[in-house]
Amino acid sequence: MTSDPSSNGSQPPNPNRKRNWRERICRLLGSEPETKEQLIGLLQDAECRALLDRDALGMIEGVLQVSDLRVGDIMIPRAEMVGIRRDNPLDRILEIAVESAHSRFPVTGEDKGEVVGILLAKDLLAYCTESTRRSPFNIRDHIRSAVFVPESKRLNVLLKEFRASRNHMAIVVDEYGTASGLVTIEDVLEQIVGDIEDEHDHDEGAFVFKRGKNEYSVKARTSVEDFNDYFHSQLQAGEFDTIGGLVVNSLGHVPVRGERAELGGFRFTVMSADSRRVHLLSVKPLQADPSDTARYR
């Protein structure tokens, strides 16, 4: 008797599935786009005709942009990492875990650029009461292997690897193999669905990240006041509260990735945006003396 593949819940792969979906989208849009720009234009037109809602359009645009972004564009730089030293005592480790409220921590050697593994906060729960803390604690018993990725890796590839390996964090390394930052699956997903805020985000306030000498990544929702405090600048907010609002107003339209604007001695380059708003900006101070970057934090 020939078995029915559907009887056990499994389905044979359908090589026509991708083509069928492509045909359905083309029928929905009324034509077949030849470039990514044409596709986005058709999708935006579909949204205007109420064939797509705004949230769906924003996520589709985010998916299309993820393949253009690299890990180095969104990573949390080493200076901003909350890590645990391999030789930290248990009391100090618990203190860091409670203060940061993070679920995962890179474990480093004497140098912060030497990451030896990952420690999960849940593995510390057994040492949080007086009765259980009588057991000897050795951090080496709890360190898990870290995943290392280069700054140049594309986000769509990293997301696929995250899904396959079930890892939620990767350590970003430079060309010399030294840790230059970290990236989480949440950081990647935020490029698709927008900022994912949890109950601790209002305490972190990490909106500006130094990517290299004289180059920074800034979340578009960073307030003008916070931007000025960080860079000791004097940008005028006017009727706009955020840096993203200032850039959009300067250009006169919601920009696409790669568009630039110069404001108050800074060059802003759009790194991530959809049809509704800007998400991430690259910032370079325009100054004659590069050594002046020392005044920035």
C-alpha atoms as a PDB file:
ATOM      1  CA  MET A   1       0.000   0.000   0.000  1.00  0.00           C
ATOM      2  CA  THR A   2       1.305   3.415  -0.893  1.00  0.00           C
ATOM      3  CA  SER A   3       1.500   5.692   2.126  1.00  0.00           C
ATOM      4  CA  ASP A   4      -0.073   9.119   2.048  1.00  0.00           C
ATOM      5  CA  PRO A   5       2.572  11.781   2.866  1.00  0.00           C
ATOM      6  CA  SER A   6      -0.101  13.939   4.469  1.00  0.00           C
ATOM      7  CA  SER A   7      -1.145  11.219   6.904  1.00  0.00           C
ATOM      8  CA  ASN A   8       1.823  11.810   9.204  1.00  0.00           C
ATOM      9  CA  GLY A   9       1.659  15.594   9.030  1.00  0.00           C
ATOM     10  CA  SER A  10       4.568  16.005   6.612  1.00  0.00           C
ATOM     11  CA  GLN A  11       4.313  17.467   3.141  1.00  0.00           C
ATOM     12  CA  PRO A  12       6.682  16.878   0.241  1.00  0.00           C
ATOM     13  CA  PRO A  13       8.537  20.006  -0.903  1.00  0.00           C
ATOM     14  CA  ASN A  14       6.737  21.904  -3.603  1.00  0.00           C
ATOM     15  CA  PRO A  15       9.202  23.413  -6.110  1.00  0.00           C
ATOM     16  CA  ASN A  16       6.429  25.588  -7.525  1.00  0.00           C
ATOM     17  CA  ARG A  17       5.532  27.197  -4.204  1.00  0.00           C
ATOM     18  CA  LYS A  18       7.914  30.155  -4.547  1.00  0.00           C
ATOM     19  CA  ARG A  19       6.857  30.689  -8.151  1.00  0.00           C
ATOM     20  CA  ASN A  20       3.184  30.516  -7.176  1.00  0.00           C
ATOM     21  CA  TRP A  21       3.648  33.132  -4.476  1.00  0.00           C
ATOM     22  CA  ARG A  22       5.558  35.342  -6.907  1.00  0.00           C
ATOM     23  CA  GLU A  23       2.741  35.018  -9.428  1.00  0.00           C
ATOM     24  CA  ARG A  24       0.159  35.876  -6.791  1.00  0.00           C
ATOM     25  CA  ILE A  25       2.056  39.007  -5.774  1.00  0.00           C
ATOM     26  CA  CYS A  26       2.425  40.059  -9.401  1.00  0.00           C
ATOM     27  CA  ARG A  27      -1.302  39.570  -9.981  1.00  0.00           C
ATOM     28  CA  LEU A  28      -2.019  41.583  -6.833  1.00  0.00           C
ATOM     29  CA  LEU A  29       0.224  44.437  -7.928  1.00  0.00           C
ATOM     30  CA  GLY A  30      -0.863  44.328 -11.553  1.00  0.00           C
ATOM     31  CA  SER A  31       2.656  44.040 -13.011  1.00  0.00           C
ATOM     32  CA  GLU A  32       6.010  42.339 -12.508  1.00  0.00           C
ATOM     33  CA  PRO A  33       8.752  44.646 -11.156  1.00  0.00           C
ATOM     34  CA  GLU A  34      12.275  44.350 -12.532  1.00  0.00           C
ATOM     35  CA  THR A  35      14.159  46.148  -9.725  1.00  0.00           C
ATOM     36  CA  LYS A  36      13.842  46.444  -5.974  1.00  0.00           C
ATOM     37  CA  GLU A  37      12.966  50.128  -6.336  1.00  0.00           C
ATOM     38  CA  GLN A  38      10.119  49.270  -8.720  1.00  0.00           C
ATOM     39  CA  LEU A  39       8.878  46.607  -6.308  1.00  0.00           C
ATOM     40  CA  ILE A  40       8.835  49.050  -3.390  1.00  0.00           C
ATOM     41  CA  GLY A  41       7.018  51.597  -5.556  1.00  0.00           C
ATOM     42  CA  LEU A  42       4.370  49.030  -6.483  1.00  0.00           C
ATOM     43  CA  LEU A  43       3.978  47.989  -2.853  1.00  0.00           C
ATOM     44  CA  GLN A  44       3.542  51.603  -1.791  1.00  0.00           C
ATOM     45  CA  ASP A  45       0.909  52.016  -4.501  1.00  0.00           C
ATOM     46  CA  ALA A  46      -0.813  48.869  -3.222  1.00  0.00           C
ATOM     47  CA  GLU A  47      -0.890  50.391   0.247  1.00  0.00           C
ATOM     48  CA  CYS A  48      -2.496  53.554  -1.152  1.00  0.00           C
ATOM     49  CA  ARG A  49      -5.166  51.352  -2.766  1.00  0.00           C
ATOM     50  CA  ALA A  50      -5.781  49.609   0.588  1.00  0.00           C
ATOM     51  CA  LEU A  51      -4.464  46.281  -0.726  1.00  0.00           C
ATOM     52  CA  LEU A  52      -1.825  46.345   2.040  1.00  0.00           C
ATOM     53  CA  ASP A  53      -2.021  47.993   5.436  1.00  0.00           C
ATOM     54  CA  ARG A  54       0.749  50.313   6.612  1.00  0.00           C
ATOM     55  CA  ASP A  55       2.222  47.855   9.106  1.00  0.00           C
ATOM     56  CA  ALA A  56       2.471  45.099   6.492  1.00  0.00           C
ATOM     57  CA  LEU A  57       4.119  47.492   4.037  1.00  0.00           C
ATOM     58  CA  GLY A  58       6.626  48.603   6.641  1.00  0.00           C
ATOM     59  CA  MET A  59       7.618  45.019   7.438  1.00  0.00           C
ATOM     60  CA  ILE A  60       7.957  44.073   3.770  1.00  0.00           C
ATOM     61  CA  GLU A  61      10.209  47.074   3.207  1.00  0.00           C
ATOM     62  CA  GLY A  62      12.193  46.074   6.290  1.00  0.00           C
ATOM     63  CA  VAL A  63      12.685  42.564   4.905  1.00  0.00           C
ATOM     64  CA  LEU A  64      13.941  43.982   1.609  1.00  0.00           C
ATOM     65  CA  GLN A  65      16.419  46.249   3.404  1.00  0.00           C
ATOM     66  CA  VAL A  66      17.811  43.556   5.707  1.00  0.00           C
ATOM     67  CA  SER A  67      19.758  42.046   2.802  1.00  0.00           C
ATOM     68  CA  ASP A  68      21.501  45.411   2.284  1.00  0.00           C
ATOM     69  CA  LEU A  69      22.550  45.861   5.921  1.00  0.00           C
ATOM     70  CA  ARG A  70      25.572  44.270   7.538  1.00  0.00           C
ATOM     71  CA  VAL A  71      26.248  43.260  11.122  1.00  0.00           C
ATOM     72  CA  GLY A  72      28.605  46.206  11.633  1.00  0.00           C
ATOM     73  CA  ASP A  73      25.748  48.603  10.827  1.00  0.00           C
ATOM     74  CA  ILE A  74      23.601  47.606  13.801  1.00  0.00           C
ATOM     75  CA  MET A  75      25.903  45.913  16.325  1.00  0.00           C
ATOM     76  CA  ILE A  76      26.259  47.081  19.909  1.00  0.00           C
ATOM     77  CA  PRO A  77      29.895  48.238  20.050  1.00  0.00           C
ATOM     78  CA  ARG A  78      32.335  46.747  22.542  1.00  0.00           C
ATOM     79  CA  ALA A  79      32.365  49.882  24.690  1.00  0.00           C
ATOM     80  CA  GLU A  80      28.597  49.513  25.213  1.00  0.00           C
ATOM     81  CA  MET A  81      28.603  45.759  25.920  1.00  0.00           C
ATOM     82  CA  VAL A  82      27.516  44.592  29.363  1.00  0.00           C
ATOM     83  CA  GLY A  83      29.812  41.679  30.031  1.00  0.00           C
ATOM     84  CA  ILE A  84      31.173  39.564  32.862  1.00  0.00           C
ATOM     85  CA  ARG A  85      34.825  38.906  33.481  1.00  0.00           C
ATOM     86  CA  ARG A  86      35.831  35.294  33.834  1.00  0.00           C
ATOM     87  CA  ASP A  87      37.439  36.001  37.210  1.00  0.00           C
ATOM     88  CA  ASN A  88      34.497  37.959  38.677  1.00  0.00           C
ATOM     89  CA  PRO A  89      33.229  36.575  42.000  1.00  0.00           C
ATOM     90  CA  LEU A  90      29.657  35.315  42.209  1.00  0.00           C
ATOM     91  CA  ASP A  91      28.429  38.387  44.112  1.00  0.00           C
ATOM     92  CA  ARG A  92      29.706  40.701  41.381  1.00  0.00           C
ATOM     93  CA  ILE A  93      28.194  38.530  38.638  1.00  0.00           C
ATOM     94  CA  LEU A  94      24.784  38.566  40.340  1.00  0.00           C
ATOM     95  CA  GLU A  95      25.066  42.336  40.797  1.00  0.00           C
ATOM     96  CA  ILE A  96      25.721  42.857  37.065  1.00  0.00           C
ATOM     97  CA  ALA A  97      22.855  40.544  36.116  1.00  0.00           C
ATOM     98  CA  VAL A  98      20.382  42.346  38.381  1.00  0.00           C
ATOM     99  CA  GLU A  99      21.472  45.872  37.388  1.00  0.00           C
ATOM    100  CA  SER A 100      21.387  45.232  33.629  1.00  0.00           C
ATOM    101  CA  ALA A 101      18.359  42.885  33.562  1.00  0.00           C
ATOM    102  CA  HIS A 102      19.848  41.191  30.489  1.00  0.00           C
ATOM    103  CA  SER A 103      19.336  37.509  29.785  1.00  0.00           C
ATOM    104  CA  ARG A 104      22.746  36.816  28.204  1.00  0.00           C
ATOM    105  CA  PHE A 105      26.226  38.101  28.923  1.00  0.00           C
ATOM    106  CA  PRO A 106      29.505  37.776  27.034  1.00  0.00           C
ATOM    107  CA  VAL A 107      32.211  36.387  29.321  1.00  0.00           C
ATOM    108  CA  THR A 108      35.609  37.947  28.777  1.00  0.00           C
ATOM    109  CA  GLY A 109      39.158  37.404  29.864  1.00  0.00           C
ATOM    110  CA  GLU A 110      41.365  40.212  31.145  1.00  0.00           C
ATOM    111  CA  ASP A 111      40.727  42.161  27.936  1.00  0.00           C
ATOM    112  CA  LYS A 112      37.181  43.048  26.898  1.00  0.00           C
ATOM    113  CA  GLY A 113      38.049  42.095  23.335  1.00  0.00           C
ATOM    114  CA  GLU A 114      38.727  38.496  24.404  1.00  0.00           C
ATOM    115  CA  VAL A 115      35.324  36.806  24.625  1.00  0.00           C
ATOM    116  CA  VAL A 116      35.551  33.247  25.910  1.00  0.00           C
ATOM    117  CA  GLY A 117      31.863  32.357  25.980  1.00  0.00           C
ATOM    118  CA  ILE A 118      28.311  33.304  26.932  1.00  0.00           C
ATOM    119  CA  LEU A 119      26.663  33.144  30.352  1.00  0.00           C
ATOM    120  CA  LEU A 120      22.872  32.880  30.628  1.00  0.00           C
ATOM    121  CA  ALA A 121      21.149  34.689  33.478  1.00  0.00           C
ATOM    122  CA  LYS A 122      18.869  31.704  34.078  1.00  0.00           C
ATOM    123  CA  ASP A 123      21.917  29.601  34.993  1.00  0.00           C
ATOM    124  CA  LEU A 124      22.479  31.937  37.953  1.00  0.00           C
ATOM    125  CA  LEU A 125      19.041  31.379  39.476  1.00  0.00           C
ATOM    126  CA  ALA A 126      20.275  28.373  41.436  1.00  0.00           C
ATOM    127  CA  TYR A 127      22.667  30.665  43.328  1.00  0.00           C
ATOM    128  CA  CYS A 128      20.207  33.403  44.270  1.00  0.00           C
ATOM    129  CA  THR A 129      19.079  32.006  47.650  1.00  0.00           C
ATOM    130  CA  GLU A 130      21.074  31.376  50.772  1.00  0.00           C
ATOM    131  CA  SER A 131      20.339  27.651  50.750  1.00  0.00           C
ATOM    132  CA  THR A 132      21.436  27.072  47.162  1.00  0.00           C
ATOM    133  CA  ARG A 133      24.464  29.370  47.370  1.00  0.00           C
ATOM    134  CA  ARG A 134      26.150  26.853  49.648  1.00  0.00           C
ATOM    135  CA  SER A 135      27.008  24.943  46.491  1.00  0.00           C
ATOM    136  CA  PRO A 136      30.409  25.956  45.084  1.00  0.00           C
ATOM    137  CA  PHE A 137      30.168  28.243  42.072  1.00  0.00           C
ATOM    138  CA  ASN A 138      32.570  27.904  39.181  1.00  0.00           C
ATOM    139  CA  ILE A 139      31.761  30.097  36.193  1.00  0.00           C
ATOM    140  CA  ARG A 140      33.525  27.651  33.865  1.00  0.00           C
ATOM    141  CA  ASP A 141      30.776  25.119  34.609  1.00  0.00           C
ATOM    142  CA  HIS A 142      28.180  27.469  33.140  1.00  0.00           C
ATOM    143  CA  ILE A 143      29.939  29.155  30.217  1.00  0.00           C
ATOM    144  CA  ARG A 144      28.387  28.255  26.873  1.00  0.00           C
ATOM    145  CA  SER A 145      30.110  28.456  23.513  1.00  0.00           C
ATOM    146  CA  ALA A 146      29.901  31.822  21.783  1.00  0.00           C
ATOM    147  CA  VAL A 147      29.050  32.319  18.132  1.00  0.00           C
ATOM    148  CA  PHE A 148      31.452  34.642  16.315  1.00  0.00           C
ATOM    149  CA  VAL A 149      30.530  36.554  13.162  1.00  0.00           C
ATOM    150  CA  PRO A 150      32.426  39.144  11.089  1.00  0.00           C
ATOM    151  CA  GLU A 151      31.276  42.743  10.846  1.00  0.00           C
ATOM    152  CA  SER A 152      30.723  42.270   7.119  1.00  0.00           C
ATOM    153  CA  LYS A 153      28.127  39.477   7.416  1.00  0.00           C
ATOM    154  CA  ARG A 154      24.767  40.412   5.899  1.00  0.00           C
ATOM    155  CA  LEU A 155      21.819  40.530   8.272  1.00  0.00           C
ATOM    156  CA  ASN A 156      19.620  38.212   6.227  1.00  0.00           C
ATOM    157  CA  VAL A 157      22.342  35.541   6.393  1.00  0.00           C
ATOM    158  CA  LEU A 158      22.791  36.072  10.138  1.00  0.00           C
ATOM    159  CA  LEU A 159      19.040  35.792  10.753  1.00  0.00           C
ATOM    160  CA  LYS A 160      18.974  32.485   8.881  1.00  0.00           C
ATOM    161  CA  GLU A 161      21.882  31.223  11.002  1.00  0.00           C
ATOM    162  CA  PHE A 162      20.188  32.369  14.201  1.00  0.00           C
ATOM    163  CA  ARG A 163      17.081  30.387  13.257  1.00  0.00           C
ATOM    164  CA  ALA A 164      19.044  27.279  12.321  1.00  0.00           C
ATOM    165  CA  SER A 165      21.281  27.262  15.415  1.00  0.00           C
ATOM    166  CA  ARG A 166      18.666  28.640  17.852  1.00  0.00           C
ATOM    167  CA  ASN A 167      21.228  31.113  19.134  1.00  0.00           C
ATOM    168  CA  HIS A 168      20.041  34.548  20.194  1.00  0.00           C
ATOM    169  CA  MET A 169      23.389  36.347  20.426  1.00  0.00           C
ATOM    170  CA  ALA A 170      26.556  36.509  18.375  1.00  0.00           C
ATOM    171  CA  ILE A 171      29.886  38.147  19.110  1.00  0.00           C
ATOM    172  CA  VAL A 172      31.068  40.428  16.311  1.00  0.00           C
ATOM    173  CA  VAL A 173      34.792  40.287  15.547  1.00  0.00           C
ATOM    174  CA  ASP A 174      37.049  42.508  13.474  1.00  0.00           C
ATOM    175  CA  GLU A 175      39.638  41.420  10.922  1.00  0.00           C
ATOM    176  CA  TYR A 176      42.059  40.519  13.735  1.00  0.00           C
ATOM    177  CA  GLY A 177      39.591  38.260  15.536  1.00  0.00           C
ATOM    178  CA  THR A 178      39.077  40.695  18.407  1.00  0.00           C
ATOM    179  CA  ALA A 179      35.549  41.280  19.667  1.00  0.00           C
ATOM    180  CA  SER A 180      34.284  44.609  18.345  1.00  0.00           C
ATOM    181  CA  GLY A 181      30.713  44.268  19.600  1.00  0.00           C
ATOM    182  CA  LEU A 182      27.729  41.978  19.783  1.00  0.00           C
ATOM    183  CA  VAL A 183      24.448  41.514  17.948  1.00  0.00           C
ATOM    184  CA  THR A 184      21.245  39.770  19.021  1.00  0.00           C
ATOM    185  CA  ILE A 185      18.352  38.288  17.103  1.00  0.00           C
ATOM    186  CA  GLU A 186      16.226  41.128  18.489  1.00  0.00           C
ATOM    187  CA  ASP A 187      18.537  43.679  16.858  1.00  0.00           C
ATOM    188  CA  VAL A 188      17.985  41.986  13.487  1.00  0.00           C
ATOM    189  CA  LEU A 189      14.218  41.659  13.898  1.00  0.00           C
ATOM    190  CA  GLU A 190      13.966  45.346  14.807  1.00  0.00           C
ATOM    191  CA  GLN A 191      15.173  46.173  11.309  1.00  0.00           C
ATOM    192  CA  ILE A 192      12.040  44.452  10.013  1.00  0.00           C
ATOM    193  CA  VAL A 193       9.297  45.233  12.519  1.00  0.00           C
ATOM    194  CA  GLY A 194      10.678  48.402  14.125  1.00  0.00           C
ATOM    195  CA  ASP A 195      11.842  48.912  17.697  1.00  0.00           C
ATOM    196  CA  ILE A 196      10.923  46.127  20.110  1.00  0.00           C
ATOM    197  CA  GLU A 197      10.720  47.705  23.535  1.00  0.00           C
ATOM    198  CA  ASP A 198      10.494  45.681  26.718  1.00  0.00           C
ATOM    199  CA  GLU A 199      10.009  46.767  30.327  1.00  0.00           C
ATOM    200  CA  HIS A 200      13.714  47.573  30.691  1.00  0.00           C
ATOM    201  CA  ASP A 201      14.316  49.601  27.547  1.00  0.00           C
ATOM    202  CA  HIS A 202      13.391  52.924  29.125  1.00  0.00           C
ATOM    203  CA  ASP A 203      16.333  52.523  31.504  1.00  0.00           C
ATOM    204  CA  GLU A 204      18.956  51.704  28.904  1.00  0.00           C
ATOM    205  CA  GLY A 205      18.770  54.788  26.703  1.00  0.00           C
ATOM    206  CA  ALA A 206      21.451  53.543  24.317  1.00  0.00           C
ATOM    207  CA  PHE A 207      20.676  55.527  21.177  1.00  0.00           C
ATOM    208  CA  VAL A 208      24.171  56.439  19.934  1.00  0.00           C
ATOM    209  CA  PHE A 209      26.834  53.852  19.133  1.00  0.00           C
ATOM    210  CA  LYS A 210      30.397  54.556  18.073  1.00  0.00           C
ATOM    211  CA  ARG A 211      31.246  52.415  15.031  1.00  0.00           C
ATOM    212  CA  GLY A 212      34.748  53.658  14.378  1.00  0.00           C
ATOM    213  CA  LYS A 213      36.869  56.769  14.287  1.00  0.00           C
ATOM    214  CA  ASN A 214      34.640  59.728  13.487  1.00  0.00           C
ATOM    215  CA  GLU A 215      31.625  57.526  12.636  1.00  0.00           C
ATOM    216  CA  TYR A 216      28.530  56.726  14.668  1.00  0.00           C
ATOM    217  CA  SER A 217      25.185  54.945  14.370  1.00  0.00           C
ATOM    218  CA  VAL A 218      22.209  56.837  15.783  1.00  0.00           C
ATOM    219  CA  LYS A 219      18.651  55.612  16.175  1.00  0.00           C
ATOM    220  CA  ALA A 220      16.331  58.001  14.375  1.00  0.00           C
ATOM    221  CA  ARG A 221      14.078  58.304  17.431  1.00  0.00           C
ATOM    222  CA  THR A 222      16.948  59.780  19.454  1.00  0.00           C
ATOM    223  CA  SER A 223      15.800  63.098  20.865  1.00  0.00           C
ATOM    224  CA  VAL A 224      17.584  66.217  19.649  1.00  0.00           C
ATOM    225  CA  GLU A 225      18.385  67.025  23.270  1.00  0.00           C
ATOM    226  CA  ASP A 226      20.082  63.654  23.852  1.00  0.00           C
ATOM    227  CA  PHE A 227      21.982  64.008  20.566  1.00  0.00           C
ATOM    228  CA  ASN A 228      23.260  67.443  21.596  1.00  0.00           C
ATOM    229  CA  ASP A 229      24.273  66.136  25.025  1.00  0.00           C
ATOM    230  CA  TYR A 230      26.266  63.304  23.458  1.00  0.00           C
ATOM    231  CA  PHE A 231      28.034  65.325  20.755  1.00  0.00           C
ATOM    232  CA  HIS A 232      28.157  68.658  22.613  1.00  0.00           C
ATOM    233  CA  SER A 233      26.374  70.120  19.595  1.00  0.00           C
ATOM    234  CA  GLN A 234      23.717  72.782  19.213  1.00  0.00           C
ATOM    235  CA  LEU A 235      21.194  71.404  16.745  1.00  0.00           C
ATOM    236  CA  GLN A 236      17.932  73.326  16.906  1.00  0.00           C
ATOM    237  CA  ALA A 237      14.926  71.089  17.416  1.00  0.00           C
ATOM    238  CA  GLY A 238      12.281  73.563  16.308  1.00  0.00           C
ATOM    239  CA  GLU A 239       9.006  71.692  15.818  1.00  0.00           C
ATOM    240  CA  PHE A 240      10.746  68.296  15.690  1.00  0.00           C
ATOM    241  CA  ASP A 241      11.704  66.294  18.766  1.00  0.00           C
ATOM    242  CA  THR A 242      13.887  63.611  17.150  1.00  0.00           C
ATOM    243  CA  ILE A 243      16.942  63.435  14.927  1.00  0.00           C
ATOM    244  CA  GLY A 244      14.949  61.443  12.395  1.00  0.00           C
ATOM    245  CA  GLY A 245      12.390  64.242  12.240  1.00  0.00           C
ATOM    246  CA  LEU A 246      15.096  66.822  11.564  1.00  0.00           C
ATOM    247  CA  VAL A 247      16.568  64.754   8.726  1.00  0.00           C
ATOM    248  CA  VAL A 248      13.172  64.130   7.114  1.00  0.00           C
ATOM    249  CA  ASN A 249      12.356  67.845   7.341  1.00  0.00           C
ATOM    250  CA  SER A 250      15.722  68.791   5.826  1.00  0.00           C
ATOM    251  CA  LEU A 251      15.224  66.488   2.827  1.00  0.00           C
ATOM    252  CA  GLY A 252      11.561  67.358   2.413  1.00  0.00           C
ATOM    253  CA  HIS A 253      10.413  63.731   2.164  1.00  0.00           C
ATOM    254  CA  VAL A 254      10.800  60.366   3.875  1.00  0.00           C
ATOM    255  CA  PRO A 255      14.227  59.305   2.570  1.00  0.00           C
ATOM    256  CA  VAL A 256      15.372  55.902   1.366  1.00  0.00           C
ATOM    257  CA  ARG A 257      18.525  54.081   2.351  1.00  0.00           C
ATOM    258  CA  GLY A 258      21.667  55.916   1.253  1.00  0.00           C
ATOM    259  CA  GLU A 259      20.227  59.450   1.128  1.00  0.00           C
ATOM    260  CA  ARG A 260      22.247  62.106   2.938  1.00  0.00           C
ATOM    261  CA  ALA A 261      21.659  65.386   4.709  1.00  0.00           C
ATOM    262  CA  GLU A 262      24.081  67.834   6.342  1.00  0.00           C
ATOM    263  CA  LEU A 263      22.888  69.588   9.467  1.00  0.00           C
ATOM    264  CA  GLY A 264      24.709  71.569  12.124  1.00  0.00           C
ATOM    265  CA  GLY A 265      28.163  70.280  11.223  1.00  0.00           C
ATOM    266  CA  PHE A 266      27.120  66.635  10.808  1.00  0.00           C
ATOM    267  CA  ARG A 267      26.524  64.423   7.780  1.00  0.00           C
ATOM    268  CA  PHE A 268      23.561  62.096   8.270  1.00  0.00           C
ATOM    269  CA  THR A 269      23.239  59.041   6.014  1.00  0.00           C
ATOM    270  CA  VAL A 270      20.072  56.945   6.103  1.00  0.00           C
ATOM    271  CA  MET A 271      20.916  53.317   6.905  1.00  0.00           C
ATOM    272  CA  SER A 272      17.389  51.979   7.406  1.00  0.00           C
ATOM    273  CA  ALA A 273      13.976  53.448   6.563  1.00  0.00           C
ATOM    274  CA  ASP A 274      10.572  52.459   5.263  1.00  0.00           C
ATOM    275  CA  SER A 275       7.830  54.441   3.553  1.00  0.00           C
ATOM    276  CA  ARG A 276       6.692  55.913   6.863  1.00  0.00           C
ATOM    277  CA  ARG A 277       9.802  56.776   8.840  1.00  0.00           C
ATOM    278  CA  VAL A 278      13.555  56.581   9.239  1.00  0.00           C
ATOM    279  CA  HIS A 279      14.888  53.955  11.647  1.00  0.00           C
ATOM    280  CA  LEU A 280      18.689  54.210  11.694  1.00  0.00           C
ATOM    281  CA  LEU A 281      21.203  56.877  10.699  1.00  0.00           C
ATOM    282  CA  SER A 282      24.948  56.931  10.190  1.00  0.00           C
ATOM    283  CA  VAL A 283      26.490  60.134  11.550  1.00  0.00           C
ATOM    284  CA  LYS A 284      29.849  61.712  10.735  1.00  0.00           C
ATOM    285  CA  PRO A 285      30.942  65.009  12.310  1.00  0.00           C
ATOM    286  CA  LEU A 286      32.169  67.421   9.643  1.00  0.00           C
ATOM    287  CA  GLN A 287      35.279  68.942  11.147  1.00  0.00           C
ATOM    288  CA  ALA A 288      38.682  69.979   9.909  1.00  0.00           C
ATOM    289  CA  ASP A 289      40.650  68.289  12.673  1.00  0.00           C
ATOM    290  CA  PRO A 290      39.853  64.563  13.111  1.00  0.00           C
ATOM    291  CA  SER A 291      41.520  64.656  16.551  1.00  0.00           C
ATOM    292  CA  ASP A 292      38.516  66.631  17.757  1.00  0.00           C
ATOM    293  CA  THR A 293      36.615  63.342  17.997  1.00  0.00           C
ATOM    294  CA  ALA A 294      38.273  62.903  21.370  1.00  0.00           C
ATOM    295  CA  ARG A 295      35.704  65.283  22.805  1.00  0.00           C
ATOM    296  CA  TYR A 296      32.903  62.868  21.931  1.00  0.00           C
ATOM    297  CA  ARG A 297      32.182  60.109  24.388  1.00  0.00           C
END
